[in-house]
Amino acid sequence: MVKVKMNVQTAYHGDLLREGKVYEIDEETAKRWIAGKIADEVKEKNN
């Protein structure tokens, strides 16, 4: 699973994903969305 911040609002598996919010989605979908500028990957900070 990959955390992404949405650049647009979209529906995904019956859920509404809102622009500007962070969601955890499967890696294959995340790669497509990042490539298509639909979402940006969120880097986790581990202290």
Protein backbone atom coordinates (compact mmCIF):
# COMPACT_ATOMS: atom_id res chain seq x y z
CA MET A 1 0.00 0.00 0.00
CA VAL A 2 1.13 3.54 -0.82
CA LYS A 3 -0.01 6.84 0.68
CA VAL A 4 -0.94 9.48 -1.88
CA LYS A 5 -2.24 13.04 -1.68
CA MET A 6 -4.99 13.59 -4.23
CA ASN A 7 -4.70 16.45 -6.76
CA VAL A 8 -8.28 15.88 -7.97
CA GLN A 9 -11.50 14.44 -6.58
CA THR A 10 -12.30 10.94 -7.84
CA ALA A 11 -14.26 7.81 -7.02
CA TYR A 12 -12.27 4.67 -6.17
CA HIS A 13 -13.91 1.33 -5.31
CA GLY A 14 -17.16 3.10 -4.45
CA ASP A 15 -15.48 5.66 -2.17
CA LEU A 16 -15.13 9.37 -2.87
CA LEU A 17 -11.51 10.51 -2.62
CA ARG A 18 -11.29 14.26 -2.10
CA GLU A 19 -8.71 16.69 -3.47
CA GLY A 20 -6.00 17.59 -0.94
CA LYS A 21 -6.60 14.58 1.33
CA VAL A 22 -4.19 11.69 1.90
CA TYR A 23 -5.30 8.12 1.21
CA GLU A 24 -3.65 4.70 1.23
CA ILE A 25 -4.15 2.76 -2.02
CA ASP A 26 -2.59 -0.22 -3.76
CA GLU A 27 0.80 0.23 -5.39
CA GLU A 28 -0.26 -0.42 -9.00
CA THR A 29 -3.02 2.22 -8.88
CA ALA A 30 -0.71 4.66 -7.10
CA LYS A 31 1.91 4.37 -9.86
CA ARG A 32 -0.70 5.14 -12.54
CA TRP A 33 -2.14 8.08 -10.62
CA ILE A 34 1.29 9.58 -9.90
CA ALA A 35 2.30 9.22 -13.56
CA GLY A 36 -0.98 10.85 -14.64
CA LYS A 37 -0.61 13.71 -12.11
CA ILE A 38 -3.85 12.67 -10.41
CA ALA A 39 -2.01 12.24 -7.10
CA ASP A 40 1.38 12.81 -5.46
CA GLU A 41 3.19 10.22 -3.33
CA VAL A 42 3.42 11.07 0.36
CA LYS A 43 6.82 10.35 1.88
CA GLU A 44 6.64 9.15 5.47
CA LYS A 45 8.95 10.73 8.01
CA ASN A 46 10.45 8.18 10.41
CA ASN A 47 12.18 9.70 13.43
